[in-house]
Amino acid sequence: MTEPTLHLVKLCVGIDAVEELVHWQAKRSAERLGQGLDPRPRHVTRMWPRRADELLQGGSLYWVIRGVIRVRQRIAALEEVSGEDGIRRCAVVFEPALVPVLPRPRAAFQGWRYLKAEDAPADIGAAPGDDPDLPPGLREALSKFGVLPG
């Protein structure tokens, strides 16, 4: 039996807008490529997900930027890495595409949390009546007042 898809949600600390995340990841990818390494974006965390098999069945990491889930990235792999201190860590490797999702407020937390597929915000343009060309601020306001799903 195949495990259901599971996602992660994580605060994007130090980033104020999706465009900053795009720029930061592009810069890091170029550095890794220049070193002859896999250029795909990654996030290194101290904890190894116990539910790794479910995450690798099409899961994404949903980024919380300034208190709102705004984009997701498909999880491509989980790789073991060791820090300079020799401690085993997990590199969550992503597909490069950042997929905008319907904005959803999310309170601050530490580390990452699991997110069930049925609880994940829909991709922008995927919900009935959702116009993918709405400006982000208007979309967020409409979601806040219940006009759009959020």
N, C-alpha and C. Protein backbone atom coordinates (compact mmCIF):
# COMPACT_ATOMS: atom_id res chain seq x y z
N MET A 1 0.85 -1.19 0.00
CA MET A 1 0.00 0.00 0.00
C MET A 1 0.89 1.25 0.00
N THR A 2 0.59 2.21 -0.85
CA THR A 2 1.35 3.45 -0.94
C THR A 2 0.93 4.39 0.18
N GLU A 3 1.92 5.00 0.81
CA GLU A 3 1.65 5.97 1.86
C GLU A 3 1.02 7.22 1.24
N PRO A 4 0.12 7.90 1.96
CA PRO A 4 -0.43 9.15 1.43
C PRO A 4 0.62 10.25 1.40
N THR A 5 0.42 11.20 0.50
CA THR A 5 1.35 12.32 0.40
C THR A 5 1.28 13.17 1.66
N LEU A 6 2.43 13.61 2.09
CA LEU A 6 2.55 14.46 3.26
C LEU A 6 3.45 15.62 2.89
N HIS A 7 3.23 16.77 3.48
CA HIS A 7 4.01 17.96 3.19
C HIS A 7 4.67 18.46 4.47
N LEU A 8 5.57 19.43 4.30
CA LEU A 8 6.18 20.14 5.41
C LEU A 8 5.79 21.61 5.31
N VAL A 9 5.76 22.29 6.43
CA VAL A 9 5.60 23.74 6.45
C VAL A 9 6.73 24.29 7.30
N LYS A 10 7.35 25.39 6.81
CA LYS A 10 8.54 25.94 7.46
C LYS A 10 8.53 27.45 7.34
N LEU A 11 8.98 28.13 8.40
CA LEU A 11 9.16 29.58 8.35
C LEU A 11 10.34 29.90 7.45
N CYS A 12 10.21 30.91 6.65
CA CYS A 12 11.28 31.37 5.77
C CYS A 12 11.92 32.58 6.46
N VAL A 13 12.79 32.31 7.40
CA VAL A 13 13.37 33.33 8.27
C VAL A 13 14.29 34.25 7.47
N GLY A 14 14.14 35.57 7.69
CA GLY A 14 15.00 36.55 7.05
C GLY A 14 14.56 36.95 5.65
N ILE A 15 13.45 36.41 5.19
CA ILE A 15 12.93 36.71 3.86
C ILE A 15 11.60 37.45 4.03
N ASP A 16 11.44 38.57 3.33
CA ASP A 16 10.22 39.36 3.45
C ASP A 16 9.25 39.21 2.28
N ALA A 17 9.71 38.63 1.18
CA ALA A 17 8.86 38.49 0.00
C ALA A 17 9.31 37.29 -0.82
N VAL A 18 8.39 36.74 -1.59
CA VAL A 18 8.70 35.59 -2.44
C VAL A 18 9.88 35.90 -3.36
N GLU A 19 9.92 37.12 -3.89
CA GLU A 19 10.99 37.50 -4.81
C GLU A 19 12.37 37.38 -4.15
N GLU A 20 12.45 37.68 -2.86
CA GLU A 20 13.71 37.54 -2.13
C GLU A 20 14.12 36.08 -2.04
N LEU A 21 13.15 35.20 -1.81
CA LEU A 21 13.44 33.77 -1.76
C LEU A 21 13.94 33.28 -3.11
N VAL A 22 13.31 33.73 -4.19
CA VAL A 22 13.75 33.37 -5.54
C VAL A 22 15.20 33.79 -5.75
N HIS A 23 15.51 35.04 -5.40
CA HIS A 23 16.86 35.57 -5.57
C HIS A 23 17.87 34.80 -4.72
N TRP A 24 17.55 34.57 -3.47
CA TRP A 24 18.45 33.87 -2.56
C TRP A 24 18.75 32.46 -3.06
N GLN A 25 17.69 31.74 -3.48
CA GLN A 25 17.90 30.38 -3.96
C GLN A 25 18.71 30.37 -5.26
N ALA A 26 18.47 31.32 -6.15
CA ALA A 26 19.22 31.39 -7.41
C ALA A 26 20.71 31.63 -7.12
N LYS A 27 20.99 32.50 -6.18
CA LYS A 27 22.38 32.79 -5.81
C LYS A 27 23.06 31.55 -5.25
N ARG A 28 22.41 30.88 -4.32
CA ARG A 28 22.97 29.66 -3.72
C ARG A 28 23.14 28.56 -4.77
N SER A 29 22.18 28.42 -5.69
CA SER A 29 22.26 27.40 -6.74
C SER A 29 23.44 27.67 -7.65
N ALA A 30 23.67 28.94 -8.00
CA ALA A 30 24.81 29.30 -8.85
C ALA A 30 26.13 28.99 -8.14
N GLU A 31 26.20 29.26 -6.83
CA GLU A 31 27.40 28.94 -6.06
C GLU A 31 27.66 27.44 -6.07
N ARG A 32 26.62 26.65 -5.84
CA ARG A 32 26.76 25.19 -5.80
C ARG A 32 27.17 24.67 -7.19
N LEU A 33 26.58 25.21 -8.23
CA LEU A 33 26.93 24.79 -9.59
C LEU A 33 28.39 25.09 -9.87
N GLY A 34 28.86 26.27 -9.44
CA GLY A 34 30.26 26.65 -9.63
C GLY A 34 31.22 25.74 -8.88
N GLN A 35 30.73 25.07 -7.84
CA GLN A 35 31.56 24.14 -7.07
C GLN A 35 31.43 22.71 -7.58
N GLY A 36 30.67 22.55 -8.67
CA GLY A 36 30.46 21.21 -9.23
C GLY A 36 29.48 20.37 -8.44
N LEU A 37 28.62 21.02 -7.65
CA LEU A 37 27.64 20.31 -6.82
C LEU A 37 26.25 20.40 -7.44
N ASP A 38 25.35 19.59 -6.94
CA ASP A 38 23.95 19.60 -7.35
C ASP A 38 23.40 21.01 -7.08
N PRO A 39 22.94 21.72 -8.12
CA PRO A 39 22.50 23.10 -7.92
C PRO A 39 21.07 23.25 -7.39
N ARG A 40 20.35 22.15 -7.24
CA ARG A 40 18.96 22.29 -6.78
C ARG A 40 18.92 22.94 -5.40
N PRO A 41 17.89 23.77 -5.17
CA PRO A 41 17.75 24.41 -3.85
C PRO A 41 17.63 23.36 -2.75
N ARG A 42 18.08 23.74 -1.57
CA ARG A 42 18.03 22.81 -0.44
C ARG A 42 17.93 23.59 0.86
N HIS A 43 17.45 22.90 1.86
CA HIS A 43 17.42 23.45 3.22
C HIS A 43 17.96 22.36 4.13
N VAL A 44 18.97 22.69 4.91
CA VAL A 44 19.57 21.72 5.83
C VAL A 44 18.97 21.91 7.21
N THR A 45 18.51 20.83 7.80
CA THR A 45 17.89 20.86 9.11
C THR A 45 18.53 19.81 10.02
N ARG A 46 18.48 20.05 11.30
CA ARG A 46 19.11 19.13 12.26
C ARG A 46 18.36 17.81 12.36
N MET A 47 17.06 17.86 12.19
CA MET A 47 16.23 16.67 12.41
C MET A 47 15.94 15.96 11.08
N TRP A 48 15.96 14.64 11.12
CA TRP A 48 15.60 13.84 9.95
C TRP A 48 14.11 13.53 10.07
N PRO A 49 13.30 13.81 9.04
CA PRO A 49 11.86 13.53 9.14
C PRO A 49 11.59 12.03 9.36
N ARG A 50 10.81 11.73 10.36
CA ARG A 50 10.46 10.34 10.64
C ARG A 50 9.51 9.79 9.57
N ARG A 51 8.82 10.67 8.91
CA ARG A 51 7.83 10.25 7.90
C ARG A 51 8.35 10.54 6.49
N ALA A 52 9.62 10.27 6.29
CA ALA A 52 10.30 10.57 5.03
C ALA A 52 9.62 9.91 3.82
N ASP A 53 9.20 8.66 3.97
CA ASP A 53 8.58 7.96 2.83
C ASP A 53 7.34 8.70 2.33
N GLU A 54 6.55 9.23 3.26
CA GLU A 54 5.35 9.97 2.86
C GLU A 54 5.71 11.29 2.18
N LEU A 55 6.76 11.95 2.66
CA LEU A 55 7.18 13.22 2.06
C LEU A 55 7.67 13.01 0.63
N LEU A 56 8.28 11.87 0.38
CA LEU A 56 8.85 11.60 -0.95
C LEU A 56 7.83 11.05 -1.94
N GLN A 57 6.57 10.98 -1.55
CA GLN A 57 5.49 10.55 -2.44
C GLN A 57 4.80 11.77 -3.06
N GLY A 58 5.57 12.78 -3.43
CA GLY A 58 5.00 13.97 -4.06
C GLY A 58 4.80 15.13 -3.10
N GLY A 59 5.42 15.08 -1.94
CA GLY A 59 5.26 16.14 -0.96
C GLY A 59 5.99 17.42 -1.35
N SER A 60 5.57 18.51 -0.74
CA SER A 60 6.17 19.82 -0.94
C SER A 60 6.50 20.44 0.40
N LEU A 61 7.36 21.43 0.38
CA LEU A 61 7.59 22.26 1.55
C LEU A 61 6.86 23.57 1.29
N TYR A 62 5.98 23.94 2.19
CA TYR A 62 5.22 25.19 2.10
C TYR A 62 5.95 26.23 2.93
N TRP A 63 6.37 27.32 2.27
CA TRP A 63 7.14 28.37 2.92
C TRP A 63 6.22 29.42 3.53
N VAL A 64 6.44 29.73 4.82
CA VAL A 64 5.74 30.80 5.52
C VAL A 64 6.62 32.04 5.45
N ILE A 65 6.12 33.07 4.78
CA ILE A 65 6.85 34.32 4.63
C ILE A 65 6.05 35.43 5.29
N ARG A 66 6.65 36.04 6.32
CA ARG A 66 5.99 37.12 7.08
C ARG A 66 4.61 36.70 7.60
N GLY A 67 4.55 35.50 8.17
CA GLY A 67 3.34 35.03 8.82
C GLY A 67 2.27 34.46 7.91
N VAL A 68 2.60 34.26 6.62
CA VAL A 68 1.61 33.76 5.67
C VAL A 68 2.27 32.68 4.79
N ILE A 69 1.60 31.53 4.64
CA ILE A 69 2.07 30.54 3.68
C ILE A 69 1.82 31.14 2.30
N ARG A 70 2.88 31.27 1.48
CA ARG A 70 2.75 31.95 0.19
C ARG A 70 3.14 31.09 -1.01
N VAL A 71 4.11 30.20 -0.84
CA VAL A 71 4.58 29.37 -1.95
C VAL A 71 4.96 27.98 -1.43
N ARG A 72 5.07 27.06 -2.39
CA ARG A 72 5.53 25.72 -2.05
C ARG A 72 6.60 25.30 -3.04
N GLN A 73 7.42 24.34 -2.62
CA GLN A 73 8.41 23.73 -3.50
C GLN A 73 8.32 22.23 -3.32
N ARG A 74 8.29 21.52 -4.43
CA ARG A 74 8.24 20.06 -4.41
C ARG A 74 9.52 19.50 -3.81
N ILE A 75 9.39 18.55 -2.91
CA ILE A 75 10.54 17.90 -2.30
C ILE A 75 11.04 16.83 -3.27
N ALA A 76 12.29 16.95 -3.69
CA ALA A 76 12.88 16.02 -4.65
C ALA A 76 13.63 14.88 -3.95
N ALA A 77 14.24 15.18 -2.82
CA ALA A 77 15.04 14.17 -2.13
C ALA A 77 15.34 14.62 -0.71
N LEU A 78 15.72 13.66 0.10
CA LEU A 78 16.26 13.91 1.43
C LEU A 78 17.64 13.29 1.43
N GLU A 79 18.66 14.10 1.72
CA GLU A 79 20.03 13.62 1.67
C GLU A 79 20.72 13.84 3.00
N GLU A 80 21.50 12.86 3.41
CA GLU A 80 22.27 12.99 4.64
C GLU A 80 23.49 13.88 4.37
N VAL A 81 23.69 14.84 5.23
CA VAL A 81 24.87 15.70 5.16
C VAL A 81 25.44 15.80 6.57
N SER A 82 26.73 16.06 6.65
CA SER A 82 27.37 16.25 7.95
C SER A 82 27.90 17.67 8.03
N GLY A 83 27.68 18.31 9.15
CA GLY A 83 28.20 19.65 9.37
C GLY A 83 29.68 19.58 9.71
N GLU A 84 30.29 20.74 9.85
CA GLU A 84 31.69 20.81 10.25
C GLU A 84 31.91 20.17 11.61
N ASP A 85 30.84 20.09 12.40
CA ASP A 85 30.92 19.48 13.73
C ASP A 85 30.76 17.97 13.67
N GLY A 86 30.55 17.42 12.45
CA GLY A 86 30.41 15.97 12.29
C GLY A 86 29.03 15.43 12.61
N ILE A 87 28.10 16.31 12.94
CA ILE A 87 26.75 15.86 13.28
C ILE A 87 25.95 15.61 12.00
N ARG A 88 25.23 14.48 11.98
CA ARG A 88 24.39 14.11 10.84
C ARG A 88 23.18 15.05 10.77
N ARG A 89 22.94 15.55 9.57
CA ARG A 89 21.80 16.43 9.32
C ARG A 89 21.07 15.96 8.07
N CYS A 90 19.92 16.56 7.83
CA CYS A 90 19.11 16.23 6.66
C CYS A 90 19.04 17.44 5.73
N ALA A 91 19.43 17.23 4.47
CA ALA A 91 19.24 18.27 3.45
C ALA A 91 17.95 17.94 2.72
N VAL A 92 16.97 18.83 2.83
CA VAL A 92 15.74 18.69 2.07
C VAL A 92 16.02 19.35 0.72
N VAL A 93 16.04 18.55 -0.34
CA VAL A 93 16.37 19.03 -1.68
C VAL A 93 15.06 19.28 -2.42
N PHE A 94 14.97 20.44 -3.09
CA PHE A 94 13.73 20.85 -3.75
C PHE A 94 13.88 20.88 -5.26
N GLU A 95 12.75 20.76 -5.94
CA GLU A 95 12.69 21.12 -7.34
C GLU A 95 12.80 22.65 -7.37
N PRO A 96 13.40 23.23 -8.40
CA PRO A 96 13.63 24.68 -8.40
C PRO A 96 12.36 25.54 -8.43
N ALA A 97 11.29 25.06 -9.01
CA ALA A 97 10.08 25.89 -9.18
C ALA A 97 9.43 26.22 -7.85
N LEU A 98 9.14 27.51 -7.66
CA LEU A 98 8.34 27.98 -6.52
C LEU A 98 6.92 28.15 -7.03
N VAL A 99 5.98 27.43 -6.42
CA VAL A 99 4.59 27.44 -6.87
C VAL A 99 3.77 28.30 -5.91
N PRO A 100 3.21 29.42 -6.40
CA PRO A 100 2.39 30.27 -5.53
C PRO A 100 1.12 29.53 -5.08
N VAL A 101 0.79 29.69 -3.81
CA VAL A 101 -0.41 29.06 -3.26
C VAL A 101 -1.33 30.14 -2.69
N LEU A 102 -2.59 29.78 -2.50
CA LEU A 102 -3.52 30.72 -1.88
C LEU A 102 -2.97 31.09 -0.51
N PRO A 103 -2.83 32.37 -0.22
CA PRO A 103 -2.22 32.79 1.05
C PRO A 103 -3.02 32.29 2.25
N ARG A 104 -2.29 31.81 3.24
CA ARG A 104 -2.93 31.33 4.46
C ARG A 104 -2.08 31.76 5.65
N PRO A 105 -2.65 32.52 6.58
CA PRO A 105 -1.89 32.92 7.77
C PRO A 105 -1.41 31.70 8.55
N ARG A 106 -0.24 31.84 9.12
CA ARG A 106 0.32 30.75 9.92
C ARG A 106 1.12 31.36 11.06
N ALA A 107 0.77 31.00 12.27
CA ALA A 107 1.48 31.51 13.45
C ALA A 107 2.91 30.99 13.46
N ALA A 108 3.78 31.74 14.12
CA ALA A 108 5.19 31.36 14.21
C ALA A 108 5.36 30.07 15.00
N PHE A 109 6.38 29.31 14.63
CA PHE A 109 6.73 28.07 15.30
C PHE A 109 8.21 27.83 15.02
N GLN A 110 8.81 26.90 15.72
CA GLN A 110 10.22 26.58 15.48
C GLN A 110 10.33 25.31 14.66
N GLY A 111 11.39 25.23 13.86
CA GLY A 111 11.62 24.03 13.06
C GLY A 111 10.65 23.94 11.90
N TRP A 112 10.15 22.74 11.65
CA TRP A 112 9.16 22.52 10.61
C TRP A 112 8.05 21.67 11.18
N ARG A 113 6.95 21.65 10.50
CA ARG A 113 5.79 20.85 10.91
C ARG A 113 5.29 20.07 9.71
N TYR A 114 4.68 18.92 9.99
CA TYR A 114 4.02 18.16 8.93
C TYR A 114 2.71 18.85 8.56
N LEU A 115 2.32 18.68 7.31
CA LEU A 115 1.08 19.27 6.81
C LEU A 115 0.41 18.20 5.95
N LYS A 116 -0.77 17.77 6.37
CA LYS A 116 -1.51 16.77 5.60
C LYS A 116 -1.94 17.37 4.26
N ALA A 117 -2.01 16.53 3.24
CA ALA A 117 -2.39 16.99 1.90
C ALA A 117 -3.74 17.71 1.93
N GLU A 118 -4.69 17.20 2.68
CA GLU A 118 -6.02 17.82 2.70
C GLU A 118 -6.03 19.17 3.43
N ASP A 119 -4.99 19.47 4.20
CA ASP A 119 -4.90 20.73 4.92
C ASP A 119 -4.03 21.77 4.21
N ALA A 120 -3.41 21.38 3.11
CA ALA A 120 -2.49 22.28 2.40
C ALA A 120 -3.27 23.29 1.56
N PRO A 121 -2.79 24.54 1.50
CA PRO A 121 -3.46 25.52 0.64
C PRO A 121 -3.32 25.13 -0.84
N ALA A 122 -4.35 25.44 -1.60
CA ALA A 122 -4.35 25.12 -3.03
C ALA A 122 -3.40 26.04 -3.78
N ASP A 123 -2.90 25.54 -4.90
CA ASP A 123 -2.09 26.36 -5.79
C ASP A 123 -2.95 27.50 -6.33
N ILE A 124 -2.36 28.65 -6.54
CA ILE A 124 -3.09 29.78 -7.11
C ILE A 124 -3.56 29.39 -8.51
N GLY A 125 -4.82 29.68 -8.79
CA GLY A 125 -5.40 29.35 -10.08
C GLY A 125 -6.05 27.97 -10.11
N ALA A 126 -5.84 27.16 -9.06
CA ALA A 126 -6.40 25.80 -9.05
C ALA A 126 -7.78 25.75 -8.42
N ALA A 127 -8.12 26.72 -7.58
CA ALA A 127 -9.42 26.72 -6.91
C ALA A 127 -10.49 27.30 -7.83
N PRO A 128 -11.71 26.78 -7.75
CA PRO A 128 -12.80 27.33 -8.57
C PRO A 128 -12.98 28.83 -8.31
N GLY A 129 -13.09 29.62 -9.36
CA GLY A 129 -13.30 31.05 -9.25
C GLY A 129 -12.04 31.84 -8.94
N ASP A 130 -10.92 31.19 -8.82
CA ASP A 130 -9.67 31.87 -8.51
C ASP A 130 -9.02 32.37 -9.79
N ASP A 131 -8.69 33.63 -9.81
CA ASP A 131 -8.04 34.25 -10.97
C ASP A 131 -6.55 34.34 -10.69
N PRO A 132 -5.71 33.61 -11.44
CA PRO A 132 -4.27 33.64 -11.16
C PRO A 132 -3.63 35.00 -11.38
N ASP A 133 -4.32 35.94 -12.03
CA ASP A 133 -3.75 37.26 -12.30
C ASP A 133 -4.08 38.30 -11.23
N LEU A 134 -4.80 37.91 -10.16
CA LEU A 134 -5.10 38.86 -9.08
C LEU A 134 -3.81 39.32 -8.41
N PRO A 135 -3.68 40.61 -8.13
CA PRO A 135 -2.50 41.08 -7.39
C PRO A 135 -2.46 40.41 -6.00
N PRO A 136 -1.28 40.06 -5.51
CA PRO A 136 -1.17 39.34 -4.23
C PRO A 136 -1.87 40.02 -3.07
N GLY A 137 -1.77 41.35 -2.97
CA GLY A 137 -2.42 42.06 -1.86
C GLY A 137 -3.94 41.93 -1.91
N LEU A 138 -4.50 42.04 -3.11
CA LEU A 138 -5.95 41.90 -3.27
C LEU A 138 -6.36 40.46 -2.96
N ARG A 139 -5.60 39.50 -3.43
CA ARG A 139 -5.89 38.09 -3.17
C ARG A 139 -5.91 37.82 -1.67
N GLU A 140 -4.91 38.36 -0.96
CA GLU A 140 -4.83 38.15 0.48
C GLU A 140 -6.02 38.77 1.20
N ALA A 141 -6.42 39.98 0.79
CA ALA A 141 -7.57 40.65 1.40
C ALA A 141 -8.85 39.87 1.14
N LEU A 142 -9.04 39.40 -0.10
CA LEU A 142 -10.24 38.62 -0.43
C LEU A 142 -10.28 37.31 0.34
N SER A 143 -9.12 36.69 0.55
CA SER A 143 -9.06 35.46 1.34
C SER A 143 -9.41 35.74 2.80
N LYS A 144 -8.89 36.86 3.31
CA LYS A 144 -9.14 37.23 4.72
C LYS A 144 -10.63 37.41 4.98
N PHE A 145 -11.35 37.95 4.00
CA PHE A 145 -12.79 38.19 4.17
C PHE A 145 -13.65 37.05 3.69
N GLY A 146 -13.02 35.93 3.29
CA GLY A 146 -13.78 34.74 2.92
C GLY A 146 -14.31 34.74 1.50
N VAL A 147 -13.93 35.72 0.68
CA VAL A 147 -14.39 35.77 -0.70
C VAL A 147 -13.68 34.69 -1.52
N LEU A 148 -12.39 34.50 -1.26
CA LEU A 148 -11.60 33.45 -1.88
C LEU A 148 -11.22 32.44 -0.82
N PRO A 149 -11.05 31.18 -1.22
CA PRO A 149 -10.56 30.22 -0.22
C PRO A 149 -9.16 30.59 0.21
N GLY A 150 -8.80 30.27 1.41
CA GLY A 150 -7.48 30.63 1.91
C GLY A 150 -6.82 29.53 2.67
